[in-house]
PDB file of all heavy atoms in Angstrom:
ATOM      1  N   SER A   1       5.498   9.603  54.241  1.00  0.00           N
ATOM      2  CA  SER A   1       6.254   9.686  52.989  1.00  0.00           C
ATOM      3  C   SER A   1       6.177  11.125  52.491  1.00  0.00           C
ATOM      4  O   SER A   1       5.323  11.905  52.941  1.00  0.00           O
ATOM      5  CB  SER A   1       5.676   8.732  51.942  1.00  0.00           C
ATOM      6  OG  SER A   1       4.368   9.146  51.574  1.00  0.00           O
ATOM      7  N   PRO A   2       7.050  11.509  51.546  1.00  0.00           N
ATOM      8  CA  PRO A   2       6.980  12.876  51.023  1.00  0.00           C
ATOM      9  C   PRO A   2       5.624  13.221  50.421  1.00  0.00           C
ATOM     10  O   PRO A   2       5.177  14.365  50.518  1.00  0.00           O
ATOM     11  CB  PRO A   2       8.081  12.891  49.960  1.00  0.00           C
ATOM     12  CG  PRO A   2       9.059  11.855  50.408  1.00  0.00           C
ATOM     13  CD  PRO A   2       8.222  10.772  51.038  1.00  0.00           C
ATOM     14  N   SER A   3       4.965  12.257  49.796  1.00  0.00           N
ATOM     15  CA  SER A   3       3.667  12.542  49.181  1.00  0.00           C
ATOM     16  C   SER A   3       2.577  12.773  50.224  1.00  0.00           C
ATOM     17  O   SER A   3       1.618  13.504  49.973  1.00  0.00           O
ATOM     18  CB  SER A   3       3.267  11.385  48.259  1.00  0.00           C
ATOM     19  OG  SER A   3       3.149  10.174  48.991  1.00  0.00           O
ATOM     20  N   GLU A   4       2.717  12.167  51.394  1.00  0.00           N
ATOM     21  CA  GLU A   4       1.713  12.331  52.447  1.00  0.00           C
ATOM     22  C   GLU A   4       1.970  13.575  53.294  1.00  0.00           C
ATOM     23  O   GLU A   4       1.061  14.067  53.954  1.00  0.00           O
ATOM     24  CB  GLU A   4       1.702  11.102  53.364  1.00  0.00           C
ATOM     25  CG  GLU A   4       1.245   9.823  52.693  1.00  0.00           C
ATOM     26  CD  GLU A   4       1.272   8.639  53.652  1.00  0.00           C
ATOM     27  OE1 GLU A   4       1.539   8.847  54.847  1.00  0.00           O
ATOM     28  OE2 GLU A   4       1.037   7.498  53.190  1.00  0.00           O
ATOM     29  N   GLU A   5       3.201  14.067  53.263  1.00  0.00           N
ATOM     30  CA  GLU A   5       3.569  15.186  54.131  1.00  0.00           C
ATOM     31  C   GLU A   5       3.401  16.525  53.421  1.00  0.00           C
ATOM     32  O   GLU A   5       3.685  16.652  52.230  1.00  0.00           O
ATOM     33  CB  GLU A   5       5.023  15.025  54.576  1.00  0.00           C
ATOM     34  CG  GLU A   5       5.522  16.164  55.473  1.00  0.00           C
ATOM     35  CD  GLU A   5       7.019  16.070  55.708  1.00  0.00           C
ATOM     36  OE1 GLU A   5       7.784  16.472  54.801  1.00  0.00           O
ATOM     37  OE2 GLU A   5       7.409  15.590  56.783  1.00  0.00           O
ATOM     38  N   THR A   6       2.931  17.517  54.165  1.00  0.00           N
ATOM     39  CA  THR A   6       2.922  18.902  53.713  1.00  0.00           C
ATOM     40  C   THR A   6       3.898  19.678  54.582  1.00  0.00           C
ATOM     41  O   THR A   6       3.726  19.725  55.802  1.00  0.00           O
ATOM     42  CB  THR A   6       1.520  19.527  53.835  1.00  0.00           C
ATOM     43  OG1 THR A   6       0.597  18.778  53.049  1.00  0.00           O
ATOM     44  CG2 THR A   6       1.534  20.968  53.361  1.00  0.00           C
ATOM     45  N   PRO A   7       4.944  20.270  53.993  1.00  0.00           N
ATOM     46  CA  PRO A   7       5.937  20.982  54.815  1.00  0.00           C
ATOM     47  C   PRO A   7       5.321  22.153  55.569  1.00  0.00           C
ATOM     48  O   PRO A   7       4.387  22.808  55.075  1.00  0.00           O
ATOM     49  CB  PRO A   7       6.963  21.474  53.784  1.00  0.00           C
ATOM     50  CG  PRO A   7       6.752  20.618  52.575  1.00  0.00           C
ATOM     51  CD  PRO A   7       5.299  20.279  52.566  1.00  0.00           C
ATOM     52  N   GLY A   8       5.841  22.407  56.759  1.00  0.00           N
ATOM     53  CA  GLY A   8       5.403  23.547  57.547  1.00  0.00           C
ATOM     54  C   GLY A   8       6.460  24.642  57.541  1.00  0.00           C
ATOM     55  O   GLY A   8       7.490  24.531  56.886  1.00  0.00           O
ATOM     56  N   ILE A   9       6.180  25.727  58.242  1.00  0.00           N
ATOM     57  CA  ILE A   9       7.154  26.804  58.398  1.00  0.00           C
ATOM     58  C   ILE A   9       8.034  26.499  59.606  1.00  0.00           C
ATOM     59  O   ILE A   9       7.719  25.620  60.413  1.00  0.00           O
ATOM     60  CB  ILE A   9       6.460  28.168  58.561  1.00  0.00           C
ATOM     61  CG1 ILE A   9       5.574  28.179  59.811  1.00  0.00           C
ATOM     62  CG2 ILE A   9       5.652  28.502  57.327  1.00  0.00           C
ATOM     63  CD1 ILE A   9       4.953  29.527  60.102  1.00  0.00           C
ATOM     64  N   LEU A  10       9.135  27.232  59.748  1.00  0.00           N
ATOM     65  CA  LEU A  10      10.074  26.942  60.827  1.00  0.00           C
ATOM     66  C   LEU A  10       9.610  27.507  62.163  1.00  0.00           C
ATOM     67  O   LEU A  10       9.646  26.819  63.184  1.00  0.00           O
ATOM     68  CB  LEU A  10      11.458  27.505  60.476  1.00  0.00           C
ATOM     69  CG  LEU A  10      12.529  27.380  61.553  1.00  0.00           C
ATOM     70  CD1 LEU A  10      12.724  25.930  61.973  1.00  0.00           C
ATOM     71  CD2 LEU A  10      13.845  27.960  61.058  1.00  0.00           C
ATOM     72  N   ASP A  11       9.173  28.748  62.193  1.00  0.00           N
ATOM     73  CA  ASP A  11       8.830  29.418  63.445  1.00  0.00           C
ATOM     74  C   ASP A  11       7.316  29.501  63.609  1.00  0.00           C
ATOM     75  O   ASP A  11       6.620  29.983  62.709  1.00  0.00           O
ATOM     76  CB  ASP A  11       9.424  30.827  63.481  1.00  0.00           C
ATOM     77  CG  ASP A  11      10.938  30.806  63.339  1.00  0.00           C
ATOM     78  OD1 ASP A  11      11.593  30.143  64.164  1.00  0.00           O
ATOM     79  OD2 ASP A  11      11.459  31.444  62.407  1.00  0.00           O
ATOM     80  N   ALA A  12       6.824  29.093  64.776  1.00  0.00           N
ATOM     81  CA  ALA A  12       5.385  29.135  65.033  1.00  0.00           C
ATOM     82  C   ALA A  12       5.132  29.587  66.464  1.00  0.00           C
ATOM     83  O   ALA A  12       5.921  29.291  67.375  1.00  0.00           O
ATOM     84  CB  ALA A  12       4.754  27.759  64.802  1.00  0.00           C
ATOM     85  N   PHE A  13       4.041  30.315  66.658  1.00  0.00           N
ATOM     86  CA  PHE A  13       3.576  30.725  67.980  1.00  0.00           C
ATOM     87  C   PHE A  13       2.196  30.118  68.192  1.00  0.00           C
ATOM     88  O   PHE A  13       1.281  30.369  67.412  1.00  0.00           O
ATOM     89  CB  PHE A  13       3.505  32.248  68.094  1.00  0.00           C
ATOM     90  CG  PHE A  13       4.843  32.932  68.126  1.00  0.00           C
ATOM     91  CD1 PHE A  13       5.517  33.244  66.944  1.00  0.00           C
ATOM     92  CD2 PHE A  13       5.441  33.264  69.331  1.00  0.00           C
ATOM     93  CE1 PHE A  13       6.743  33.861  66.966  1.00  0.00           C
ATOM     94  CE2 PHE A  13       6.675  33.890  69.367  1.00  0.00           C
ATOM     95  CZ  PHE A  13       7.333  34.189  68.183  1.00  0.00           C
ATOM     96  N   LEU A  14       2.046  29.330  69.247  1.00  0.00           N
ATOM     97  CA  LEU A  14       0.802  28.630  69.512  1.00  0.00           C
ATOM     98  C   LEU A  14       0.175  29.140  70.807  1.00  0.00           C
ATOM     99  O   LEU A  14       0.781  29.024  71.883  1.00  0.00           O
ATOM    100  CB  LEU A  14       1.052  27.123  69.638  1.00  0.00           C
ATOM    101  CG  LEU A  14       1.654  26.425  68.417  1.00  0.00           C
ATOM    102  CD1 LEU A  14       1.985  24.976  68.765  1.00  0.00           C
ATOM    103  CD2 LEU A  14       0.697  26.480  67.249  1.00  0.00           C
ATOM    104  N   PRO A  15      -1.036  29.716  70.760  1.00  0.00           N
ATOM    105  CA  PRO A  15      -1.718  30.128  71.993  1.00  0.00           C
ATOM    106  C   PRO A  15      -2.020  28.911  72.868  1.00  0.00           C
ATOM    107  O   PRO A  15      -2.491  27.883  72.373  1.00  0.00           O
ATOM    108  CB  PRO A  15      -3.000  30.787  71.486  1.00  0.00           C
ATOM    109  CG  PRO A  15      -2.744  31.099  70.044  1.00  0.00           C
ATOM    110  CD  PRO A  15      -1.805  30.051  69.551  1.00  0.00           C
ATOM    111  N   LEU A  16      -1.745  29.007  74.145  1.00  0.00           N
ATOM    112  CA  LEU A  16      -2.000  27.909  75.068  1.00  0.00           C
ATOM    113  C   LEU A  16      -3.430  27.984  75.586  1.00  0.00           C
ATOM    114  O   LEU A  16      -4.009  29.075  75.676  1.00  0.00           O
ATOM    115  CB  LEU A  16      -1.015  27.965  76.235  1.00  0.00           C
ATOM    116  CG  LEU A  16       0.468  27.798  75.854  1.00  0.00           C
ATOM    117  CD1 LEU A  16       1.356  27.945  77.083  1.00  0.00           C
ATOM    118  CD2 LEU A  16       0.711  26.455  75.185  1.00  0.00           C
ATOM    119  N   PRO A  17      -4.026  26.835  75.936  1.00  0.00           N
ATOM    120  CA  PRO A  17      -5.387  26.851  76.478  1.00  0.00           C
ATOM    121  C   PRO A  17      -5.451  27.678  77.759  1.00  0.00           C
ATOM    122  O   PRO A  17      -4.654  27.450  78.677  1.00  0.00           O
ATOM    123  CB  PRO A  17      -5.665  25.364  76.768  1.00  0.00           C
ATOM    124  CG  PRO A  17      -4.681  24.613  75.931  1.00  0.00           C
ATOM    125  CD  PRO A  17      -3.472  25.473  75.831  1.00  0.00           C
ATOM    126  N   PRO A  18      -6.347  28.652  77.845  1.00  0.00           N
ATOM    127  CA  PRO A  18      -6.399  29.521  79.029  1.00  0.00           C
ATOM    128  C   PRO A  18      -6.578  28.773  80.343  1.00  0.00           C
ATOM    129  O   PRO A  18      -6.124  29.245  81.390  1.00  0.00           O
ATOM    130  CB  PRO A  18      -7.608  30.423  78.741  1.00  0.00           C
ATOM    131  CG  PRO A  18      -7.741  30.430  77.253  1.00  0.00           C
ATOM    132  CD  PRO A  18      -7.329  29.046  76.823  1.00  0.00           C
ATOM    133  N   ASP A  19      -7.249  27.610  80.306  1.00  0.00           N
ATOM    134  CA  ASP A  19      -7.478  26.864  81.545  1.00  0.00           C
ATOM    135  C   ASP A  19      -6.361  25.866  81.842  1.00  0.00           C
ATOM    136  O   ASP A  19      -6.456  25.091  82.794  1.00  0.00           O
ATOM    137  CB  ASP A  19      -8.815  26.126  81.477  1.00  0.00           C
ATOM    138  CG  ASP A  19      -8.897  25.162  80.294  1.00  0.00           C
ATOM    139  OD1 ASP A  19      -8.152  25.365  79.315  1.00  0.00           O
ATOM    140  OD2 ASP A  19      -9.688  24.206  80.362  1.00  0.00           O
ATOM    141  N   GLN A  20      -5.290  25.888  81.036  1.00  0.00           N
ATOM    142  CA  GLN A  20      -4.180  24.966  81.252  1.00  0.00           C
ATOM    143  C   GLN A  20      -2.841  25.698  81.197  1.00  0.00           C
ATOM    144  O   GLN A  20      -1.870  25.212  80.622  1.00  0.00           O
ATOM    145  CB  GLN A  20      -4.201  23.841  80.215  1.00  0.00           C
ATOM    146  CG  GLN A  20      -5.335  22.837  80.422  1.00  0.00           C
ATOM    147  CD  GLN A  20      -5.270  21.684  79.445  1.00  0.00           C
ATOM    148  OE1 GLN A  20      -5.324  21.876  78.231  1.00  0.00           O
ATOM    149  NE2 GLN A  20      -5.136  20.474  79.969  1.00  0.00           N
ATOM    150  N   VAL A  21      -2.808  26.851  81.821  1.00  0.00           N
ATOM    151  CA  VAL A  21      -1.563  27.632  81.850  1.00  0.00           C
ATOM    152  C   VAL A  21      -1.187  27.992  83.282  1.00  0.00           C
ATOM    153  O   VAL A  21      -0.604  29.040  83.534  1.00  0.00           O
ATOM    154  CB  VAL A  21      -1.670  28.907  80.979  1.00  0.00           C
ATOM    155  CG1 VAL A  21      -1.661  28.562  79.509  1.00  0.00           C
ATOM    156  CG2 VAL A  21      -2.902  29.714  81.352  1.00  0.00           C
ATOM    157  N   THR A  22      -1.520  27.125  84.217  1.00  0.00           N
ATOM    158  CA  THR A  22      -1.100  27.344  85.590  1.00  0.00           C
ATOM    159  C   THR A  22       0.418  27.291  85.681  1.00  0.00           C
ATOM    160  O   THR A  22       1.087  26.606  84.896  1.00  0.00           O
ATOM    161  CB  THR A  22      -1.707  26.280  86.512  1.00  0.00           C
ATOM    162  OG1 THR A  22      -1.375  24.973  86.003  1.00  0.00           O
ATOM    163  CG2 THR A  22      -3.212  26.423  86.581  1.00  0.00           C
ATOM    164  N   GLU A  23       0.968  28.021  86.631  1.00  0.00           N
ATOM    165  CA  GLU A  23       2.412  28.036  86.813  1.00  0.00           C
ATOM    166  C   GLU A  23       2.922  26.629  87.109  1.00  0.00           C
ATOM    167  O   GLU A  23       2.314  25.866  87.852  1.00  0.00           O
ATOM    168  CB  GLU A  23       2.768  28.963  87.979  1.00  0.00           C
ATOM    169  CG  GLU A  23       4.250  29.028  88.288  1.00  0.00           C
ATOM    170  CD  GLU A  23       4.542  29.862  89.516  1.00  0.00           C
ATOM    171  OE1 GLU A  23       3.624  30.573  89.994  1.00  0.00           O
ATOM    172  OE2 GLU A  23       5.682  29.796  90.016  1.00  0.00           O
ATOM    173  N   GLY A  24       4.039  26.280  86.480  1.00  0.00           N
ATOM    174  CA  GLY A  24       4.634  24.964  86.703  1.00  0.00           C
ATOM    175  C   GLY A  24       4.843  24.203  85.414  1.00  0.00           C
ATOM    176  O   GLY A  24       4.820  24.771  84.316  1.00  0.00           O
ATOM    177  N   LEU A  25       5.028  22.886  85.553  1.00  0.00           N
ATOM    178  CA  LEU A  25       5.360  22.034  84.412  1.00  0.00           C
ATOM    179  C   LEU A  25       4.113  21.472  83.747  1.00  0.00           C
ATOM    180  O   LEU A  25       3.162  21.071  84.418  1.00  0.00           O
ATOM    181  CB  LEU A  25       6.259  20.881  84.870  1.00  0.00           C
ATOM    182  CG  LEU A  25       7.647  21.282  85.381  1.00  0.00           C
ATOM    183  CD1 LEU A  25       8.370  20.066  85.950  1.00  0.00           C
ATOM    184  CD2 LEU A  25       8.465  21.908  84.259  1.00  0.00           C
ATOM    185  N   HIS A  26       4.156  21.431  82.407  1.00  0.00           N
ATOM    186  CA  HIS A  26       3.073  20.866  81.608  1.00  0.00           C
ATOM    187  C   HIS A  26       3.692  19.953  80.560  1.00  0.00           C
ATOM    188  O   HIS A  26       4.815  20.182  80.098  1.00  0.00           O
ATOM    189  CB  HIS A  26       2.261  21.968  80.940  1.00  0.00           C
ATOM    190  CG  HIS A  26       1.538  22.849  81.903  1.00  0.00           C
ATOM    191  ND1 HIS A  26       0.197  22.711  82.182  1.00  0.00           N
ATOM    192  CD2 HIS A  26       1.986  23.895  82.659  1.00  0.00           C
ATOM    193  CE1 HIS A  26      -0.171  23.629  83.069  1.00  0.00           C
ATOM    194  NE2 HIS A  26       0.901  24.354  83.370  1.00  0.00           N
ATOM    195  N   LEU A  27       2.933  18.938  80.148  1.00  0.00           N
ATOM    196  CA  LEU A  27       3.456  17.962  79.205  1.00  0.00           C
ATOM    197  C   LEU A  27       3.200  18.401  77.765  1.00  0.00           C
ATOM    198  O   LEU A  27       2.056  18.619  77.367  1.00  0.00           O
ATOM    199  CB  LEU A  27       2.809  16.596  79.438  1.00  0.00           C
ATOM    200  CG  LEU A  27       3.375  15.470  78.558  1.00  0.00           C
ATOM    201  CD1 LEU A  27       4.806  15.140  78.969  1.00  0.00           C
ATOM    202  CD2 LEU A  27       2.495  14.226  78.631  1.00  0.00           C
ATOM    203  N   LEU A  28       4.271  18.532  77.008  1.00  0.00           N
ATOM    204  CA  LEU A  28       4.176  18.826  75.573  1.00  0.00           C
ATOM    205  C   LEU A  28       4.498  17.563  74.792  1.00  0.00           C
ATOM    206  O   LEU A  28       5.533  16.932  75.002  1.00  0.00           O
ATOM    207  CB  LEU A  28       5.158  19.933  75.184  1.00  0.00           C
ATOM    208  CG  LEU A  28       5.242  20.253  73.686  1.00  0.00           C
ATOM    209  CD1 LEU A  28       3.938  20.868  73.182  1.00  0.00           C
ATOM    210  CD2 LEU A  28       6.413  21.184  73.394  1.00  0.00           C
ATOM    211  N   LEU A  29       3.591  17.195  73.896  1.00  0.00           N
ATOM    212  CA  LEU A  29       3.761  16.008  73.060  1.00  0.00           C
ATOM    213  C   LEU A  29       3.723  16.438  71.601  1.00  0.00           C
ATOM    214  O   LEU A  29       2.835  17.188  71.185  1.00  0.00           O
ATOM    215  CB  LEU A  29       2.647  15.000  73.346  1.00  0.00           C
ATOM    216  CG  LEU A  29       2.662  13.695  72.556  1.00  0.00           C
ATOM    217  CD1 LEU A  29       3.869  12.841  72.953  1.00  0.00           C
ATOM    218  CD2 LEU A  29       1.367  12.916  72.793  1.00  0.00           C
ATOM    219  N   LEU A  30       4.696  15.955  70.817  1.00  0.00           N
ATOM    220  CA  LEU A  30       4.782  16.297  69.402  1.00  0.00           C
ATOM    221  C   LEU A  30       4.859  15.041  68.557  1.00  0.00           C
ATOM    222  O   LEU A  30       5.503  14.064  68.952  1.00  0.00           O
ATOM    223  CB  LEU A  30       6.031  17.142  69.122  1.00  0.00           C
ATOM    224  CG  LEU A  30       6.169  18.479  69.849  1.00  0.00           C
ATOM    225  CD1 LEU A  30       7.574  19.030  69.652  1.00  0.00           C
ATOM    226  CD2 LEU A  30       5.141  19.476  69.348  1.00  0.00           C
ATOM    227  N   ARG A  31       4.228  15.071  67.399  1.00  0.00           N
ATOM    228  CA  ARG A  31       4.407  14.043  66.371  1.00  0.00           C
ATOM    229  C   ARG A  31       5.024  14.745  65.175  1.00  0.00           C
ATOM    230  O   ARG A  31       4.464  15.721  64.658  1.00  0.00           O
ATOM    231  CB  ARG A  31       3.083  13.390  66.006  1.00  0.00           C
ATOM    232  CG  ARG A  31       3.222  12.229  65.016  1.00  0.00           C
ATOM    233  CD  ARG A  31       1.911  11.453  64.902  1.00  0.00           C
ATOM    234  NE  ARG A  31       2.010  10.388  63.912  1.00  0.00           N
ATOM    235  CZ  ARG A  31       1.539  10.469  62.665  1.00  0.00           C
ATOM    236  NH1 ARG A  31       0.915  11.579  62.257  1.00  0.00           N
ATOM    237  NH2 ARG A  31       1.666   9.469  61.821  1.00  0.00           N
ATOM    238  N   VAL A  32       6.185  14.287  64.731  1.00  0.00           N
ATOM    239  CA  VAL A  32       7.015  15.038  63.795  1.00  0.00           C
ATOM    240  C   VAL A  32       7.378  14.191  62.576  1.00  0.00           C
ATOM    241  O   VAL A  32       7.611  12.985  62.689  1.00  0.00           O
ATOM    242  CB  VAL A  32       8.324  15.496  64.484  1.00  0.00           C
ATOM    243  CG1 VAL A  32       9.144  16.364  63.541  1.00  0.00           C
ATOM    244  CG2 VAL A  32       8.027  16.235  65.781  1.00  0.00           C
ATOM    245  N   SER A  33       7.448  14.833  61.413  1.00  0.00           N
ATOM    246  CA  SER A  33       8.035  14.216  60.219  1.00  0.00           C
ATOM    247  C   SER A  33       8.775  15.297  59.446  1.00  0.00           C
ATOM    248  O   SER A  33       8.464  16.490  59.561  1.00  0.00           O
ATOM    249  CB  SER A  33       6.972  13.559  59.331  1.00  0.00           C
ATOM    250  OG  SER A  33       6.118  14.528  58.740  1.00  0.00           O
ATOM    251  N   SER A  34       9.767  14.875  58.651  1.00  0.00           N
ATOM    252  CA  SER A  34      10.587  15.863  57.924  1.00  0.00           C
ATOM    253  C   SER A  34      11.133  15.258  56.632  1.00  0.00           C
ATOM    254  O   SER A  34      12.341  15.154  56.457  1.00  0.00           O
ATOM    255  CB  SER A  34      11.737  16.348  58.814  1.00  0.00           C
ATOM    256  OG  SER A  34      12.494  15.258  59.302  1.00  0.00           O
ATOM    257  N   HIS A  35      10.244  14.872  55.725  1.00  0.00           N
ATOM    258  CA  HIS A  35      10.649  14.226  54.474  1.00  0.00           C
ATOM    259  C   HIS A  35      11.160  15.222  53.425  1.00  0.00           C
ATOM    260  O   HIS A  35      11.818  14.811  52.474  1.00  0.00           O
ATOM    261  CB  HIS A  35       9.468  13.450  53.888  1.00  0.00           C
ATOM    262  CG  HIS A  35       9.045  12.279  54.716  1.00  0.00           C
ATOM    263  ND1 HIS A  35       9.671  11.055  54.667  1.00  0.00           N
ATOM    264  CD2 HIS A  35       8.060  12.159  55.651  1.00  0.00           C
ATOM    265  CE1 HIS A  35       9.079  10.214  55.511  1.00  0.00           C
ATOM    266  NE2 HIS A  35       8.108  10.864  56.113  1.00  0.00           N
ATOM    267  N   HIS A  36      10.858  16.504  53.584  1.00  0.00           N
ATOM    268  CA  HIS A  36      11.192  17.470  52.543  1.00  0.00           C
ATOM    269  C   HIS A  36      12.438  18.292  52.854  1.00  0.00           C
ATOM    270  O   HIS A  36      12.748  19.238  52.117  1.00  0.00           O
ATOM    271  CB  HIS A  36      10.007  18.425  52.316  1.00  0.00           C
ATOM    272  CG  HIS A  36       8.847  17.796  51.618  1.00  0.00           C
ATOM    273  ND1 HIS A  36       7.903  17.041  52.285  1.00  0.00           N
ATOM    274  CD2 HIS A  36       8.478  17.790  50.308  1.00  0.00           C
ATOM    275  CE1 HIS A  36       6.998  16.612  51.426  1.00  0.00           C
ATOM    276  NE2 HIS A  36       7.322  17.049  50.226  1.00  0.00           N
ATOM    277  N   LEU A  37      13.163  17.975  53.893  1.00  0.00           N
ATOM    278  CA  LEU A  37      14.345  18.764  54.237  1.00  0.00           C
ATOM    279  C   LEU A  37      15.442  18.639  53.186  1.00  0.00           C
ATOM    280  O   LEU A  37      16.117  19.604  52.851  1.00  0.00           O
ATOM    281  CB  LEU A  37      14.896  18.335  55.601  1.00  0.00           C
ATOM    282  CG  LEU A  37      14.140  18.826  56.838  1.00  0.00           C
ATOM    283  CD1 LEU A  37      14.877  18.388  58.098  1.00  0.00           C
ATOM    284  CD2 LEU A  37      13.988  20.337  56.811  1.00  0.00           C
ATOM    285  N   GLY A  38      15.661  17.440  52.699  1.00  0.00           N
ATOM    286  CA  GLY A  38      16.739  17.227  51.739  1.00  0.00           C
ATOM    287  C   GLY A  38      18.088  17.007  52.380  1.00  0.00           C
ATOM    288  O   GLY A  38      19.086  16.794  51.687  1.00  0.00           O
ATOM    289  N   PHE A  39      18.160  17.080  53.692  1.00  0.00           N
ATOM    290  CA  PHE A  39      19.400  16.817  54.422  1.00  0.00           C
ATOM    291  C   PHE A  39      19.027  16.439  55.857  1.00  0.00           C
ATOM    292  O   PHE A  39      17.883  16.610  56.276  1.00  0.00           O
ATOM    293  CB  PHE A  39      20.317  18.053  54.435  1.00  0.00           C
ATOM    294  CG  PHE A  39      19.774  19.198  55.251  1.00  0.00           C
ATOM    295  CD1 PHE A  39      20.272  19.465  56.514  1.00  0.00           C
ATOM    296  CD2 PHE A  39      18.757  20.023  54.746  1.00  0.00           C
ATOM    297  CE1 PHE A  39      19.774  20.518  57.273  1.00  0.00           C
ATOM    298  CE2 PHE A  39      18.248  21.064  55.498  1.00  0.00           C
ATOM    299  CZ  PHE A  39      18.763  21.318  56.758  1.00  0.00           C
TER     300      PHE A  39
END
């Protein structure tokens, strides 16, 4: 709900774990909410 959510910024850079950056495909999982957009 809007009261439980704290809005984030749009652009983010996240350092990857040094031991999990081998060349190839890796699984990215996201949990997302957007109650404060207004549209």
